[in-house]
Amino acid sequence: MADVQPIAGRKYPDGRDGHAPFFSEGDSRLAQLCEGRRKVESVAFSVTASRETLDKPELAEAIKTLRAFGVSLIVDTFWCVIRDPMIKPHVRTVLTNSGKYAHYGPGMVERDIRFASIAECMEAARSGRISKTAPRWLTNARDRVSI
């Protein structure tokens, strides 16, 4: 049984904190990654979005693709309340593309939290596995930092 629950979110375009809806106008990257695929049944994949955003006609196809992949849409919910029971009891690790959730999440959900790209979140949901190596972007960043 997979023990990963990817949670995707995004900051408001103007940078405000609080509810971080995943979608913005024209944002279909996750839908493109999920197209024609299906997540592992034992993995929960959640995406936060506002009700107003989900009602946008231009996102209808992207939302349909995400639902076909197996994404659960969490509507009008602040990231800070994404915990039990939204996170399934068997989950030991939460994968997120939200830096804020990666930082504050461990104390709120009492589980391991891993920060990942949206593509890595999708791949974890599709395969039921997460990489044990540091992401390339993090490794590259470390190589560029001099102390």
N, C-alpha and C. Protein backbone atom coordinates (compact mmCIF):
# COMPACT_ATOMS: atom_id res chain seq x y z
N MET A 1 0.84 -1.18 0.00
CA MET A 1 0.00 0.00 0.00
C MET A 1 0.89 1.24 0.00
N ALA A 2 0.57 2.18 -0.84
CA ALA A 2 1.34 3.42 -0.90
C ALA A 2 1.09 4.24 0.35
N ASP A 3 2.11 4.97 0.76
CA ASP A 3 1.97 5.78 1.96
C ASP A 3 2.25 7.25 1.66
N VAL A 4 1.93 7.68 0.45
CA VAL A 4 2.19 9.04 0.00
C VAL A 4 0.88 9.72 -0.34
N GLN A 5 0.75 10.98 0.03
CA GLN A 5 -0.41 11.77 -0.38
C GLN A 5 0.09 13.09 -0.93
N PRO A 6 0.18 13.23 -2.26
CA PRO A 6 0.57 14.51 -2.83
C PRO A 6 -0.54 15.54 -2.64
N ILE A 7 -0.16 16.75 -2.30
CA ILE A 7 -1.10 17.87 -2.18
C ILE A 7 -0.52 19.01 -2.98
N ALA A 8 -1.26 19.48 -3.96
CA ALA A 8 -0.78 20.57 -4.81
C ALA A 8 -1.54 21.85 -4.50
N GLY A 9 -0.87 22.94 -4.53
CA GLY A 9 -1.50 24.24 -4.31
C GLY A 9 -0.68 25.31 -4.98
N ARG A 10 -1.16 26.52 -4.98
CA ARG A 10 -0.42 27.61 -5.57
C ARG A 10 -0.80 28.89 -4.88
N LYS A 11 0.15 29.82 -4.78
CA LYS A 11 -0.13 31.13 -4.19
C LYS A 11 -1.03 31.94 -5.11
N TYR A 12 -1.72 32.90 -4.53
CA TYR A 12 -2.47 33.85 -5.34
C TYR A 12 -1.51 34.56 -6.28
N PRO A 13 -1.99 34.97 -7.46
CA PRO A 13 -1.10 35.69 -8.39
C PRO A 13 -0.48 36.94 -7.76
N ASP A 14 -1.17 37.60 -6.84
CA ASP A 14 -0.62 38.81 -6.23
C ASP A 14 0.24 38.50 -5.00
N GLY A 15 0.48 37.21 -4.70
CA GLY A 15 1.39 36.82 -3.63
C GLY A 15 0.78 36.75 -2.24
N ARG A 16 -0.53 36.96 -2.11
CA ARG A 16 -1.15 36.91 -0.78
C ARG A 16 -0.99 35.53 -0.17
N ASP A 17 -0.90 35.50 1.15
CA ASP A 17 -0.89 34.23 1.88
C ASP A 17 -2.33 33.79 2.10
N GLY A 18 -2.50 32.64 2.71
CA GLY A 18 -3.83 32.13 2.99
C GLY A 18 -4.18 31.01 2.04
N HIS A 19 -5.44 30.96 1.62
CA HIS A 19 -5.89 29.92 0.70
C HIS A 19 -5.07 29.99 -0.57
N ALA A 20 -4.46 28.91 -0.94
CA ALA A 20 -3.59 28.90 -2.11
C ALA A 20 -4.20 28.04 -3.20
N PRO A 21 -5.03 28.61 -4.05
CA PRO A 21 -5.65 27.80 -5.10
C PRO A 21 -4.62 27.34 -6.11
N PHE A 22 -4.77 26.15 -6.59
CA PHE A 22 -3.81 25.61 -7.54
C PHE A 22 -3.93 26.28 -8.90
N PHE A 23 -5.13 26.46 -9.38
CA PHE A 23 -5.34 26.95 -10.73
C PHE A 23 -5.19 28.45 -10.85
N SER A 24 -4.63 28.87 -11.95
CA SER A 24 -4.71 30.27 -12.36
C SER A 24 -5.14 30.23 -13.82
N GLU A 25 -5.51 31.37 -14.36
CA GLU A 25 -5.99 31.37 -15.73
C GLU A 25 -4.96 30.77 -16.67
N GLY A 26 -5.42 29.86 -17.49
CA GLY A 26 -4.55 29.24 -18.47
C GLY A 26 -3.61 28.19 -17.90
N ASP A 27 -3.69 27.88 -16.61
CA ASP A 27 -2.78 26.91 -16.01
C ASP A 27 -3.30 25.50 -16.27
N SER A 28 -2.59 24.77 -17.11
CA SER A 28 -3.03 23.40 -17.40
C SER A 28 -1.86 22.42 -17.32
N ARG A 29 -0.76 22.82 -16.70
CA ARG A 29 0.43 21.96 -16.62
C ARG A 29 0.12 20.62 -15.97
N LEU A 30 -0.52 20.62 -14.83
CA LEU A 30 -0.83 19.36 -14.16
C LEU A 30 -1.76 18.51 -15.02
N ALA A 31 -2.76 19.13 -15.62
CA ALA A 31 -3.68 18.39 -16.48
C ALA A 31 -2.92 17.75 -17.64
N GLN A 32 -1.96 18.46 -18.21
CA GLN A 32 -1.16 17.90 -19.30
C GLN A 32 -0.36 16.69 -18.81
N LEU A 33 0.20 16.79 -17.62
CA LEU A 33 0.97 15.68 -17.06
C LEU A 33 0.10 14.46 -16.77
N CYS A 34 -1.16 14.71 -16.40
CA CYS A 34 -2.07 13.63 -16.00
C CYS A 34 -2.82 13.01 -17.18
N GLU A 35 -2.83 13.69 -18.30
CA GLU A 35 -3.61 13.25 -19.46
C GLU A 35 -3.35 11.79 -19.82
N GLY A 36 -4.41 11.00 -19.89
CA GLY A 36 -4.32 9.61 -20.29
C GLY A 36 -3.72 8.68 -19.25
N ARG A 37 -3.52 9.17 -18.04
CA ARG A 37 -2.93 8.36 -16.97
C ARG A 37 -3.92 8.22 -15.83
N ARG A 38 -3.58 7.38 -14.87
CA ARG A 38 -4.42 7.17 -13.70
C ARG A 38 -3.51 7.00 -12.49
N LYS A 39 -3.88 7.60 -11.38
CA LYS A 39 -3.09 7.45 -10.17
C LYS A 39 -3.30 6.06 -9.58
N VAL A 40 -2.37 5.65 -8.72
CA VAL A 40 -2.48 4.40 -8.00
C VAL A 40 -3.68 4.51 -7.05
N GLU A 41 -4.49 3.50 -6.97
CA GLU A 41 -5.71 3.55 -6.16
C GLU A 41 -5.45 3.85 -4.69
N SER A 42 -4.35 3.34 -4.16
CA SER A 42 -4.08 3.52 -2.73
C SER A 42 -3.48 4.88 -2.38
N VAL A 43 -3.23 5.71 -3.40
CA VAL A 43 -2.66 7.04 -3.18
C VAL A 43 -3.75 8.08 -3.32
N ALA A 44 -3.80 9.01 -2.39
CA ALA A 44 -4.73 10.14 -2.49
C ALA A 44 -3.96 11.32 -3.08
N PHE A 45 -4.56 12.00 -4.05
CA PHE A 45 -3.94 13.18 -4.67
C PHE A 45 -4.94 14.31 -4.56
N SER A 46 -4.59 15.34 -3.80
CA SER A 46 -5.50 16.45 -3.55
C SER A 46 -4.96 17.74 -4.15
N VAL A 47 -5.86 18.55 -4.68
CA VAL A 47 -5.52 19.85 -5.23
C VAL A 47 -6.47 20.87 -4.60
N THR A 48 -5.91 21.97 -4.09
CA THR A 48 -6.75 23.02 -3.52
C THR A 48 -7.15 24.02 -4.61
N ALA A 49 -8.38 24.48 -4.56
CA ALA A 49 -8.87 25.47 -5.52
C ALA A 49 -10.09 26.18 -4.93
N SER A 50 -10.28 27.41 -5.34
CA SER A 50 -11.47 28.13 -4.90
C SER A 50 -12.67 27.71 -5.74
N ARG A 51 -13.84 27.83 -5.19
CA ARG A 51 -15.07 27.52 -5.92
C ARG A 51 -15.19 28.40 -7.15
N GLU A 52 -14.86 29.67 -7.01
CA GLU A 52 -14.91 30.61 -8.14
C GLU A 52 -14.02 30.13 -9.29
N THR A 53 -12.83 29.65 -8.95
CA THR A 53 -11.90 29.16 -9.96
C THR A 53 -12.45 27.92 -10.65
N LEU A 54 -12.98 26.99 -9.88
CA LEU A 54 -13.49 25.75 -10.45
C LEU A 54 -14.70 25.98 -11.36
N ASP A 55 -15.37 27.10 -11.19
CA ASP A 55 -16.53 27.42 -12.03
C ASP A 55 -16.14 28.07 -13.36
N LYS A 56 -14.87 28.35 -13.58
CA LYS A 56 -14.44 29.00 -14.81
C LYS A 56 -14.57 28.03 -15.98
N PRO A 57 -15.31 28.41 -17.01
CA PRO A 57 -15.49 27.52 -18.16
C PRO A 57 -14.19 27.10 -18.84
N GLU A 58 -13.20 27.99 -18.86
CA GLU A 58 -11.94 27.67 -19.54
C GLU A 58 -11.13 26.59 -18.84
N LEU A 59 -11.50 26.25 -17.61
CA LEU A 59 -10.78 25.20 -16.88
C LEU A 59 -11.53 23.87 -16.88
N ALA A 60 -12.69 23.82 -17.52
CA ALA A 60 -13.52 22.62 -17.48
C ALA A 60 -12.78 21.37 -17.97
N GLU A 61 -12.06 21.48 -19.08
CA GLU A 61 -11.34 20.31 -19.61
C GLU A 61 -10.20 19.89 -18.70
N ALA A 62 -9.47 20.86 -18.15
CA ALA A 62 -8.38 20.54 -17.23
C ALA A 62 -8.91 19.82 -16.00
N ILE A 63 -10.02 20.31 -15.46
CA ILE A 63 -10.62 19.69 -14.28
C ILE A 63 -11.12 18.29 -14.60
N LYS A 64 -11.70 18.12 -15.77
CA LYS A 64 -12.16 16.79 -16.19
C LYS A 64 -10.97 15.81 -16.28
N THR A 65 -9.86 16.28 -16.82
CA THR A 65 -8.65 15.44 -16.93
C THR A 65 -8.12 15.08 -15.55
N LEU A 66 -8.09 16.06 -14.64
CA LEU A 66 -7.60 15.79 -13.29
C LEU A 66 -8.49 14.78 -12.57
N ARG A 67 -9.79 14.94 -12.71
CA ARG A 67 -10.71 13.97 -12.07
C ARG A 67 -10.54 12.58 -12.64
N ALA A 68 -10.32 12.48 -13.96
CA ALA A 68 -10.10 11.18 -14.59
C ALA A 68 -8.81 10.53 -14.07
N PHE A 69 -7.82 11.35 -13.76
CA PHE A 69 -6.57 10.85 -13.19
C PHE A 69 -6.78 10.34 -11.77
N GLY A 70 -7.76 10.94 -11.07
CA GLY A 70 -8.07 10.53 -9.71
C GLY A 70 -7.82 11.62 -8.67
N VAL A 71 -7.68 12.85 -9.14
CA VAL A 71 -7.44 13.98 -8.23
C VAL A 71 -8.71 14.30 -7.45
N SER A 72 -8.53 14.56 -6.17
CA SER A 72 -9.60 15.04 -5.30
C SER A 72 -9.44 16.55 -5.18
N LEU A 73 -10.46 17.30 -5.52
CA LEU A 73 -10.40 18.76 -5.43
C LEU A 73 -10.89 19.20 -4.06
N ILE A 74 -10.03 19.91 -3.35
CA ILE A 74 -10.39 20.47 -2.04
C ILE A 74 -10.79 21.91 -2.29
N VAL A 75 -12.06 22.20 -2.06
CA VAL A 75 -12.63 23.50 -2.43
C VAL A 75 -12.69 24.44 -1.24
N ASP A 76 -12.22 25.68 -1.47
CA ASP A 76 -12.30 26.77 -0.49
C ASP A 76 -11.78 26.36 0.88
N THR A 77 -10.63 25.75 0.91
CA THR A 77 -10.03 25.31 2.17
C THR A 77 -8.63 25.88 2.28
N PHE A 78 -8.31 26.48 3.41
CA PHE A 78 -6.97 26.99 3.63
C PHE A 78 -6.01 25.83 3.82
N TRP A 79 -4.79 25.97 3.31
CA TRP A 79 -3.81 24.90 3.39
C TRP A 79 -3.54 24.49 4.84
N CYS A 80 -3.70 25.42 5.77
CA CYS A 80 -3.36 25.11 7.17
C CYS A 80 -4.36 24.16 7.83
N VAL A 81 -5.49 23.89 7.18
CA VAL A 81 -6.43 22.93 7.76
C VAL A 81 -6.44 21.61 7.00
N ILE A 82 -5.49 21.42 6.10
CA ILE A 82 -5.40 20.15 5.39
C ILE A 82 -4.67 19.17 6.30
N ARG A 83 -5.43 18.43 7.05
CA ARG A 83 -4.91 17.45 8.01
C ARG A 83 -5.97 16.36 8.17
N ASP A 84 -5.88 15.54 9.20
CA ASP A 84 -6.89 14.51 9.42
C ASP A 84 -8.27 15.17 9.45
N PRO A 85 -9.27 14.65 8.82
CA PRO A 85 -9.35 13.40 8.06
C PRO A 85 -9.06 13.55 6.56
N MET A 86 -8.68 14.76 6.10
CA MET A 86 -8.36 14.92 4.67
C MET A 86 -7.15 14.10 4.28
N ILE A 87 -6.21 13.94 5.21
CA ILE A 87 -5.05 13.07 4.97
C ILE A 87 -5.40 11.71 5.56
N LYS A 88 -5.35 10.72 4.72
CA LYS A 88 -5.79 9.37 5.09
C LYS A 88 -4.93 8.80 6.22
N PRO A 89 -5.54 7.97 7.08
CA PRO A 89 -4.82 7.42 8.25
C PRO A 89 -3.56 6.63 7.90
N HIS A 90 -3.54 5.91 6.77
CA HIS A 90 -2.36 5.09 6.43
C HIS A 90 -1.20 5.91 5.87
N VAL A 91 -1.41 7.18 5.57
CA VAL A 91 -0.38 8.02 4.95
C VAL A 91 0.72 8.33 5.96
N ARG A 92 1.95 8.05 5.58
CA ARG A 92 3.10 8.39 6.41
C ARG A 92 3.85 9.59 5.87
N THR A 93 3.72 9.86 4.56
CA THR A 93 4.43 10.95 3.92
C THR A 93 3.49 11.77 3.07
N VAL A 94 3.58 13.08 3.19
CA VAL A 94 2.80 14.00 2.35
C VAL A 94 3.80 14.71 1.44
N LEU A 95 3.51 14.68 0.16
CA LEU A 95 4.32 15.36 -0.84
C LEU A 95 3.58 16.63 -1.22
N THR A 96 4.25 17.76 -1.26
CA THR A 96 3.58 19.02 -1.58
C THR A 96 4.47 19.91 -2.43
N ASN A 97 3.84 20.74 -3.27
CA ASN A 97 4.60 21.74 -4.01
C ASN A 97 4.49 23.10 -3.33
N SER A 98 3.96 23.13 -2.11
CA SER A 98 3.84 24.37 -1.34
C SER A 98 4.97 24.45 -0.31
N GLY A 99 5.86 25.44 -0.47
CA GLY A 99 6.95 25.61 0.48
C GLY A 99 6.44 25.87 1.89
N LYS A 100 5.37 26.64 1.98
CA LYS A 100 4.80 26.96 3.30
C LYS A 100 4.25 25.70 3.96
N TYR A 101 3.53 24.87 3.20
CA TYR A 101 2.99 23.63 3.76
C TYR A 101 4.12 22.67 4.12
N ALA A 102 5.17 22.64 3.31
CA ALA A 102 6.32 21.78 3.61
C ALA A 102 6.99 22.20 4.92
N HIS A 103 6.98 23.50 5.21
CA HIS A 103 7.60 24.00 6.43
C HIS A 103 6.72 23.77 7.66
N TYR A 104 5.46 24.17 7.58
CA TYR A 104 4.57 24.10 8.75
C TYR A 104 3.84 22.76 8.89
N GLY A 105 3.71 22.02 7.80
CA GLY A 105 2.93 20.80 7.80
C GLY A 105 3.31 19.73 8.81
N PRO A 106 4.61 19.44 9.01
CA PRO A 106 4.96 18.35 9.93
C PRO A 106 4.37 18.52 11.33
N GLY A 107 4.35 19.72 11.84
CA GLY A 107 3.77 19.94 13.17
C GLY A 107 2.26 19.84 13.19
N MET A 108 1.63 20.09 12.04
CA MET A 108 0.17 20.06 11.98
C MET A 108 -0.37 18.66 11.72
N VAL A 109 0.33 17.88 10.92
CA VAL A 109 -0.22 16.58 10.52
C VAL A 109 0.53 15.40 11.11
N GLU A 110 1.63 15.67 11.82
CA GLU A 110 2.43 14.62 12.44
C GLU A 110 2.81 13.51 11.46
N ARG A 111 3.25 13.94 10.29
CA ARG A 111 3.73 13.04 9.25
C ARG A 111 4.94 13.69 8.59
N ASP A 112 5.70 12.88 7.88
CA ASP A 112 6.80 13.44 7.10
C ASP A 112 6.22 14.24 5.95
N ILE A 113 6.83 15.38 5.68
CA ILE A 113 6.41 16.23 4.55
C ILE A 113 7.61 16.37 3.64
N ARG A 114 7.40 16.19 2.35
CA ARG A 114 8.46 16.36 1.36
C ARG A 114 8.02 17.39 0.35
N PHE A 115 8.90 18.31 0.04
CA PHE A 115 8.66 19.33 -0.96
C PHE A 115 9.05 18.79 -2.32
N ALA A 116 8.19 18.99 -3.32
CA ALA A 116 8.46 18.45 -4.65
C ALA A 116 7.83 19.34 -5.70
N SER A 117 8.24 19.17 -6.94
CA SER A 117 7.62 19.89 -8.04
C SER A 117 6.25 19.27 -8.33
N ILE A 118 5.45 19.97 -9.10
CA ILE A 118 4.13 19.44 -9.45
C ILE A 118 4.29 18.15 -10.28
N ALA A 119 5.31 18.09 -11.12
CA ALA A 119 5.55 16.87 -11.91
C ALA A 119 5.91 15.70 -10.99
N GLU A 120 6.71 15.97 -9.95
CA GLU A 120 7.08 14.91 -8.99
C GLU A 120 5.87 14.47 -8.18
N CYS A 121 4.99 15.40 -7.84
CA CYS A 121 3.76 15.02 -7.12
C CYS A 121 2.90 14.10 -8.00
N MET A 122 2.76 14.46 -9.28
CA MET A 122 1.96 13.64 -10.19
C MET A 122 2.59 12.26 -10.35
N GLU A 123 3.90 12.19 -10.52
CA GLU A 123 4.57 10.90 -10.70
C GLU A 123 4.44 10.03 -9.46
N ALA A 124 4.50 10.63 -8.28
CA ALA A 124 4.31 9.87 -7.04
C ALA A 124 2.90 9.30 -6.98
N ALA A 125 1.92 10.08 -7.39
CA ALA A 125 0.53 9.59 -7.40
C ALA A 125 0.36 8.48 -8.43
N ARG A 126 1.00 8.61 -9.59
CA ARG A 126 0.88 7.61 -10.65
C ARG A 126 1.57 6.30 -10.29
N SER A 127 2.74 6.41 -9.65
CA SER A 127 3.53 5.20 -9.38
C SER A 127 3.35 4.66 -7.96
N GLY A 128 2.92 5.53 -7.03
CA GLY A 128 2.83 5.12 -5.64
C GLY A 128 4.18 5.15 -4.93
N ARG A 129 5.17 5.77 -5.55
CA ARG A 129 6.52 5.83 -4.99
C ARG A 129 7.06 7.26 -5.07
N ILE A 130 7.95 7.58 -4.13
CA ILE A 130 8.64 8.86 -4.20
C ILE A 130 10.13 8.61 -4.31
N SER A 131 10.81 9.51 -4.98
CA SER A 131 12.26 9.37 -5.16
C SER A 131 12.96 9.54 -3.82
N LYS A 132 13.99 8.76 -3.62
CA LYS A 132 14.78 8.86 -2.39
C LYS A 132 15.96 9.81 -2.57
N THR A 133 16.15 10.31 -3.79
CA THR A 133 17.25 11.23 -4.04
C THR A 133 16.73 12.67 -4.04
N ALA A 134 17.62 13.59 -3.76
CA ALA A 134 17.25 15.01 -3.78
C ALA A 134 16.89 15.41 -5.21
N PRO A 135 15.88 16.28 -5.36
CA PRO A 135 15.52 16.71 -6.71
C PRO A 135 16.69 17.44 -7.39
N ARG A 136 16.73 17.34 -8.72
CA ARG A 136 17.82 17.93 -9.49
C ARG A 136 17.93 19.44 -9.24
N TRP A 137 16.78 20.13 -9.15
CA TRP A 137 16.83 21.58 -8.94
C TRP A 137 17.46 21.92 -7.60
N LEU A 138 17.28 21.07 -6.59
CA LEU A 138 17.87 21.32 -5.28
C LEU A 138 19.36 21.02 -5.31
N THR A 139 19.72 19.95 -5.95
CA THR A 139 21.13 19.59 -6.09
C THR A 139 21.86 20.68 -6.86
N ASN A 140 21.27 21.15 -7.94
CA ASN A 140 21.89 22.22 -8.74
C ASN A 140 22.03 23.49 -7.92
N ALA A 141 21.04 23.80 -7.09
CA ALA A 141 21.11 25.00 -6.26
C ALA A 141 22.25 24.89 -5.26
N ARG A 142 22.42 23.73 -4.66
CA ARG A 142 23.52 23.53 -3.71
C ARG A 142 24.86 23.71 -4.38
N ASP A 143 24.98 23.27 -5.62
CA ASP A 143 26.24 23.39 -6.35
C ASP A 143 26.60 24.85 -6.64
N ARG A 144 25.60 25.71 -6.73
CA ARG A 144 25.83 27.12 -7.05
C ARG A 144 26.09 27.98 -5.82
N VAL A 145 25.81 27.47 -4.63
CA VAL A 145 25.97 28.25 -3.41
C VAL A 145 27.40 28.10 -2.89
N SER A 146 28.03 29.25 -2.63
CA SER A 146 29.37 29.19 -2.04
C SER A 146 29.29 29.76 -0.63
N ILE A 147 30.00 29.13 0.26
CA ILE A 147 29.98 29.56 1.67
C ILE A 147 31.32 30.11 2.07
